[in-house]
């Protein structure tokens, strides 16, 4: 059995890298990928704690499936918005986009 600290450390590193990338990147697609890394870190925590707290039940795995469903919806909506912006302005640099201001 793998000790609890290993997956939790991996999840913390993944979340830290995703947070750093989301805060420092200017490209919208890269920020979206970093948010996905953070959601995957949360899924890893859910599955890890489910395995160690209640190994016979699949509650963490079910919650992870819900998070993946929400993440898929978030990605599809965000990519649709990014594609519309890219078609109109020929770039996806978030600091240069001011379409929401009238």
N, C-alpha and C. Protein backbone atom coordinates (compact mmCIF):
# COMPACT_ATOMS: atom_id res chain seq x y z
N UNK A 1 0.84 -1.18 0.00
CA UNK A 1 0.00 0.00 0.00
C UNK A 1 0.89 1.25 0.00
N UNK A 2 0.54 2.19 -0.83
CA UNK A 2 1.30 3.44 -0.96
C UNK A 2 0.97 4.34 0.23
N UNK A 3 1.98 4.94 0.86
CA UNK A 3 1.69 5.86 1.97
C UNK A 3 0.86 7.06 1.50
N UNK A 4 0.10 7.62 2.43
CA UNK A 4 -0.82 8.72 2.11
C UNK A 4 -0.08 9.97 1.65
N UNK A 5 1.13 10.17 2.10
CA UNK A 5 1.86 11.40 1.80
C UNK A 5 2.25 11.49 0.32
N UNK A 6 2.44 10.36 -0.35
CA UNK A 6 2.88 10.41 -1.76
C UNK A 6 1.84 11.00 -2.69
N UNK A 7 0.60 10.51 -2.71
CA UNK A 7 -0.37 11.14 -3.61
C UNK A 7 -0.75 12.56 -3.19
N UNK A 8 -0.72 12.83 -1.88
CA UNK A 8 -1.03 14.18 -1.43
C UNK A 8 0.06 15.17 -1.84
N UNK A 9 1.30 14.73 -1.80
CA UNK A 9 2.40 15.58 -2.25
C UNK A 9 2.31 15.83 -3.75
N UNK A 10 2.01 14.78 -4.50
CA UNK A 10 1.84 14.93 -5.95
C UNK A 10 0.71 15.89 -6.26
N UNK A 11 -0.41 15.77 -5.54
CA UNK A 11 -1.54 16.67 -5.77
C UNK A 11 -1.18 18.11 -5.40
N UNK A 12 -0.41 18.30 -4.33
CA UNK A 12 -0.01 19.65 -3.94
C UNK A 12 0.92 20.27 -4.98
N UNK A 13 1.83 19.48 -5.52
CA UNK A 13 2.74 19.97 -6.56
C UNK A 13 1.96 20.31 -7.82
N UNK A 14 1.03 19.44 -8.20
CA UNK A 14 0.20 19.71 -9.39
C UNK A 14 -0.62 20.97 -9.21
N UNK A 15 -1.23 21.12 -8.03
CA UNK A 15 -2.05 22.31 -7.80
C UNK A 15 -1.19 23.56 -7.79
N UNK A 16 0.00 23.48 -7.19
CA UNK A 16 0.89 24.63 -7.16
C UNK A 16 1.34 25.04 -8.56
N UNK A 17 1.69 24.07 -9.38
CA UNK A 17 2.08 24.38 -10.76
C UNK A 17 0.93 24.96 -11.55
N UNK A 18 -0.26 24.40 -11.35
CA UNK A 18 -1.43 24.94 -12.05
C UNK A 18 -1.76 26.35 -11.61
N UNK A 19 -1.66 26.62 -10.32
CA UNK A 19 -1.94 27.96 -9.81
C UNK A 19 -0.91 28.96 -10.30
N UNK A 20 0.36 28.56 -10.29
CA UNK A 20 1.41 29.44 -10.80
C UNK A 20 1.18 29.75 -12.28
N UNK A 21 0.86 28.72 -13.04
CA UNK A 21 0.63 28.92 -14.47
C UNK A 21 -0.60 29.78 -14.73
N UNK A 22 -1.65 29.58 -13.96
CA UNK A 22 -2.88 30.36 -14.17
C UNK A 22 -2.67 31.83 -13.81
N UNK A 23 -1.80 32.10 -12.86
CA UNK A 23 -1.58 33.48 -12.45
C UNK A 23 -0.55 34.21 -13.30
N UNK A 24 0.34 33.49 -13.96
CA UNK A 24 1.42 34.15 -14.69
C UNK A 24 1.24 34.14 -16.21
N UNK A 25 0.41 33.25 -16.73
CA UNK A 25 0.27 33.17 -18.18
C UNK A 25 -0.66 34.26 -18.71
N UNK A 26 -0.46 34.64 -19.95
CA UNK A 26 -1.32 35.62 -20.60
C UNK A 26 -2.17 35.00 -21.70
N UNK A 27 -1.79 33.84 -22.16
CA UNK A 27 -2.54 33.16 -23.20
C UNK A 27 -3.74 32.44 -22.58
N UNK A 28 -4.91 32.61 -23.15
CA UNK A 28 -6.13 32.07 -22.58
C UNK A 28 -6.15 30.54 -22.58
N UNK A 29 -5.59 29.93 -23.59
CA UNK A 29 -5.59 28.47 -23.66
C UNK A 29 -4.65 27.89 -22.61
N UNK A 30 -3.52 28.52 -22.38
CA UNK A 30 -2.61 28.06 -21.33
C UNK A 30 -3.23 28.20 -19.95
N UNK A 31 -3.97 29.28 -19.73
CA UNK A 31 -4.64 29.45 -18.45
C UNK A 31 -5.69 28.37 -18.27
N UNK A 32 -6.40 28.04 -19.32
CA UNK A 32 -7.40 26.98 -19.26
C UNK A 32 -6.76 25.63 -18.94
N UNK A 33 -5.60 25.35 -19.52
CA UNK A 33 -4.90 24.11 -19.23
C UNK A 33 -4.42 24.07 -17.78
N UNK A 34 -4.01 25.21 -17.24
CA UNK A 34 -3.57 25.26 -15.85
C UNK A 34 -4.74 25.05 -14.89
N UNK A 35 -5.90 25.55 -15.24
CA UNK A 35 -7.09 25.30 -14.42
C UNK A 35 -7.43 23.82 -14.44
N UNK A 36 -7.25 23.18 -15.57
CA UNK A 36 -7.50 21.74 -15.65
C UNK A 36 -6.51 20.96 -14.79
N UNK A 37 -5.27 21.40 -14.73
CA UNK A 37 -4.29 20.74 -13.86
C UNK A 37 -4.72 20.87 -12.40
N UNK A 38 -5.24 22.04 -12.02
CA UNK A 38 -5.70 22.22 -10.65
C UNK A 38 -6.91 21.32 -10.35
N UNK A 39 -7.82 21.18 -11.30
CA UNK A 39 -8.96 20.29 -11.09
C UNK A 39 -8.52 18.83 -10.99
N UNK A 40 -7.51 18.45 -11.75
CA UNK A 40 -6.99 17.09 -11.65
C UNK A 40 -6.33 16.84 -10.30
N UNK A 41 -5.69 17.86 -9.75
CA UNK A 41 -5.11 17.73 -8.41
C UNK A 41 -6.20 17.53 -7.37
N UNK A 42 -7.30 18.24 -7.52
CA UNK A 42 -8.43 18.06 -6.61
C UNK A 42 -9.01 16.65 -6.75
N UNK A 43 -9.11 16.15 -7.97
CA UNK A 43 -9.59 14.78 -8.18
C UNK A 43 -8.67 13.76 -7.52
N UNK A 44 -7.39 13.98 -7.62
CA UNK A 44 -6.43 13.07 -6.98
C UNK A 44 -6.62 13.08 -5.47
N UNK A 45 -6.86 14.24 -4.89
CA UNK A 45 -7.13 14.30 -3.44
C UNK A 45 -8.41 13.57 -3.09
N UNK A 46 -9.46 13.75 -3.88
CA UNK A 46 -10.72 13.07 -3.61
C UNK A 46 -10.56 11.56 -3.62
N UNK A 47 -9.90 11.04 -4.62
CA UNK A 47 -9.72 9.60 -4.73
C UNK A 47 -8.79 9.08 -3.63
N UNK A 48 -7.76 9.84 -3.31
CA UNK A 48 -6.82 9.42 -2.26
C UNK A 48 -7.50 9.34 -0.91
N UNK A 49 -8.23 10.38 -0.54
CA UNK A 49 -8.88 10.35 0.76
C UNK A 49 -10.00 9.31 0.81
N UNK A 50 -10.67 9.10 -0.29
CA UNK A 50 -11.69 8.05 -0.33
C UNK A 50 -11.06 6.68 -0.12
N UNK A 51 -9.92 6.47 -0.71
CA UNK A 51 -9.24 5.18 -0.58
C UNK A 51 -8.76 4.93 0.85
N UNK A 52 -8.32 5.99 1.54
CA UNK A 52 -7.78 5.80 2.87
C UNK A 52 -8.84 5.89 3.97
N UNK A 53 -9.92 6.63 3.76
CA UNK A 53 -10.95 6.77 4.79
C UNK A 53 -11.96 5.63 4.70
N UNK A 54 -12.52 5.44 3.53
CA UNK A 54 -13.50 4.35 3.33
C UNK A 54 -13.08 3.53 2.12
N UNK A 55 -12.22 2.53 2.30
CA UNK A 55 -11.71 1.78 1.14
C UNK A 55 -12.76 0.92 0.45
N UNK A 56 -13.87 0.62 1.12
CA UNK A 56 -14.86 -0.26 0.49
C UNK A 56 -15.89 0.52 -0.32
N UNK A 57 -16.03 1.82 -0.06
CA UNK A 57 -17.01 2.64 -0.78
C UNK A 57 -16.31 3.47 -1.85
N UNK A 58 -17.06 3.85 -2.86
CA UNK A 58 -16.49 4.60 -3.99
C UNK A 58 -16.96 6.05 -3.99
N UNK A 59 -17.05 6.67 -2.82
CA UNK A 59 -17.58 8.04 -2.76
C UNK A 59 -16.63 9.04 -3.41
N UNK A 60 -15.34 8.90 -3.16
CA UNK A 60 -14.37 9.81 -3.77
C UNK A 60 -14.32 9.70 -5.27
N UNK A 61 -14.45 8.48 -5.75
CA UNK A 61 -14.45 8.28 -7.19
C UNK A 61 -15.69 8.88 -7.84
N UNK A 62 -16.83 8.79 -7.17
CA UNK A 62 -18.05 9.38 -7.70
C UNK A 62 -17.94 10.89 -7.74
N UNK A 63 -17.41 11.49 -6.67
CA UNK A 63 -17.21 12.94 -6.67
C UNK A 63 -16.21 13.36 -7.75
N UNK A 64 -15.18 12.54 -7.97
CA UNK A 64 -14.21 12.84 -9.01
C UNK A 64 -14.87 12.81 -10.40
N UNK A 65 -15.81 11.89 -10.60
CA UNK A 65 -16.54 11.86 -11.87
C UNK A 65 -17.38 13.12 -12.05
N UNK A 66 -18.00 13.61 -10.97
CA UNK A 66 -18.75 14.86 -11.05
C UNK A 66 -17.83 16.03 -11.39
N UNK A 67 -16.66 16.06 -10.79
CA UNK A 67 -15.71 17.13 -11.08
C UNK A 67 -15.26 17.05 -12.53
N UNK A 68 -15.03 15.85 -13.04
CA UNK A 68 -14.64 15.70 -14.44
C UNK A 68 -15.75 16.16 -15.38
N UNK A 69 -17.01 15.91 -15.01
CA UNK A 69 -18.13 16.35 -15.82
C UNK A 69 -18.20 17.87 -15.87
N UNK A 70 -18.05 18.49 -14.72
CA UNK A 70 -18.05 19.96 -14.66
C UNK A 70 -16.86 20.52 -15.43
N UNK A 71 -15.71 19.87 -15.32
CA UNK A 71 -14.52 20.33 -16.04
C UNK A 71 -14.71 20.22 -17.55
N UNK A 72 -15.37 19.17 -18.01
CA UNK A 72 -15.62 19.03 -19.45
C UNK A 72 -16.56 20.12 -19.94
N UNK A 73 -17.58 20.43 -19.16
CA UNK A 73 -18.48 21.52 -19.55
C UNK A 73 -17.76 22.86 -19.55
N UNK A 74 -16.90 23.06 -18.56
CA UNK A 74 -16.14 24.32 -18.47
C UNK A 74 -15.19 24.46 -19.65
N UNK A 75 -14.54 23.39 -20.04
CA UNK A 75 -13.60 23.44 -21.16
C UNK A 75 -14.34 23.72 -22.47
N UNK A 76 -15.47 23.08 -22.67
CA UNK A 76 -16.18 23.29 -23.93
C UNK A 76 -16.69 24.73 -24.04
N UNK A 77 -17.20 25.28 -22.96
CA UNK A 77 -17.67 26.66 -22.98
C UNK A 77 -16.51 27.64 -23.15
N UNK A 78 -15.43 27.42 -22.42
CA UNK A 78 -14.28 28.31 -22.52
C UNK A 78 -13.64 28.26 -23.90
N UNK A 79 -13.52 27.08 -24.47
CA UNK A 79 -12.94 26.98 -25.81
C UNK A 79 -13.83 27.65 -26.86
N UNK A 80 -15.14 27.56 -26.69
CA UNK A 80 -16.04 28.26 -27.61
C UNK A 80 -15.84 29.77 -27.52
N UNK A 81 -15.72 30.28 -26.32
CA UNK A 81 -15.48 31.72 -26.14
C UNK A 81 -14.13 32.12 -26.71
N UNK A 82 -13.11 31.31 -26.47
CA UNK A 82 -11.76 31.62 -26.96
C UNK A 82 -11.73 31.59 -28.49
N UNK A 83 -12.43 30.63 -29.10
CA UNK A 83 -12.47 30.58 -30.57
C UNK A 83 -13.18 31.79 -31.16
N UNK A 84 -14.24 32.24 -30.53
CA UNK A 84 -14.92 33.44 -31.02
C UNK A 84 -14.01 34.66 -30.92
N UNK A 85 -13.30 34.78 -29.81
CA UNK A 85 -12.38 35.92 -29.64
C UNK A 85 -11.23 35.82 -30.64
N UNK A 86 -10.71 34.62 -30.86
CA UNK A 86 -9.60 34.45 -31.80
C UNK A 86 -10.01 34.78 -33.22
N UNK A 87 -11.23 34.46 -33.59
CA UNK A 87 -11.69 34.79 -34.94
C UNK A 87 -11.86 36.28 -35.14
N UNK A 88 -12.29 36.97 -34.11
CA UNK A 88 -12.52 38.41 -34.24
C UNK A 88 -11.24 39.23 -34.11
N UNK A 89 -10.34 38.83 -33.20
CA UNK A 89 -9.17 39.68 -32.93
C UNK A 89 -7.85 39.07 -33.36
N UNK A 90 -7.85 37.85 -33.84
CA UNK A 90 -6.64 37.16 -34.34
C UNK A 90 -5.60 36.88 -33.27
N UNK A 91 -5.96 36.94 -31.99
CA UNK A 91 -5.06 36.56 -30.90
C UNK A 91 -5.91 36.19 -29.70
N UNK A 92 -5.28 35.54 -28.73
CA UNK A 92 -5.97 35.18 -27.50
C UNK A 92 -5.20 35.68 -26.27
N UNK A 93 -4.51 36.78 -26.42
CA UNK A 93 -3.78 37.40 -25.31
C UNK A 93 -4.80 38.12 -24.43
N UNK A 94 -4.91 37.71 -23.18
CA UNK A 94 -5.96 38.23 -22.31
C UNK A 94 -5.77 39.69 -21.93
N UNK A 95 -4.54 40.18 -21.95
CA UNK A 95 -4.32 41.58 -21.60
C UNK A 95 -4.71 42.53 -22.73
N UNK A 96 -4.79 42.01 -23.95
CA UNK A 96 -5.16 42.85 -25.09
C UNK A 96 -6.64 42.76 -25.43
N UNK A 97 -7.36 41.91 -24.75
CA UNK A 97 -8.78 41.72 -25.06
C UNK A 97 -9.61 42.65 -24.19
N UNK A 98 -10.43 43.47 -24.84
CA UNK A 98 -11.35 44.34 -24.10
C UNK A 98 -12.73 44.29 -24.73
N UNK A 99 -13.14 43.15 -25.22
CA UNK A 99 -14.42 43.03 -25.90
C UNK A 99 -15.61 43.18 -24.95
N UNK A 100 -15.43 42.86 -23.69
CA UNK A 100 -16.55 42.93 -22.77
C UNK A 100 -16.82 44.34 -22.28
N UNK A 101 -15.93 45.26 -22.61
CA UNK A 101 -16.16 46.66 -22.26
C UNK A 101 -16.89 47.33 -23.41
N UNK A 102 -17.90 48.09 -23.14
CA UNK A 102 -18.67 48.73 -24.20
C UNK A 102 -18.19 50.12 -24.43
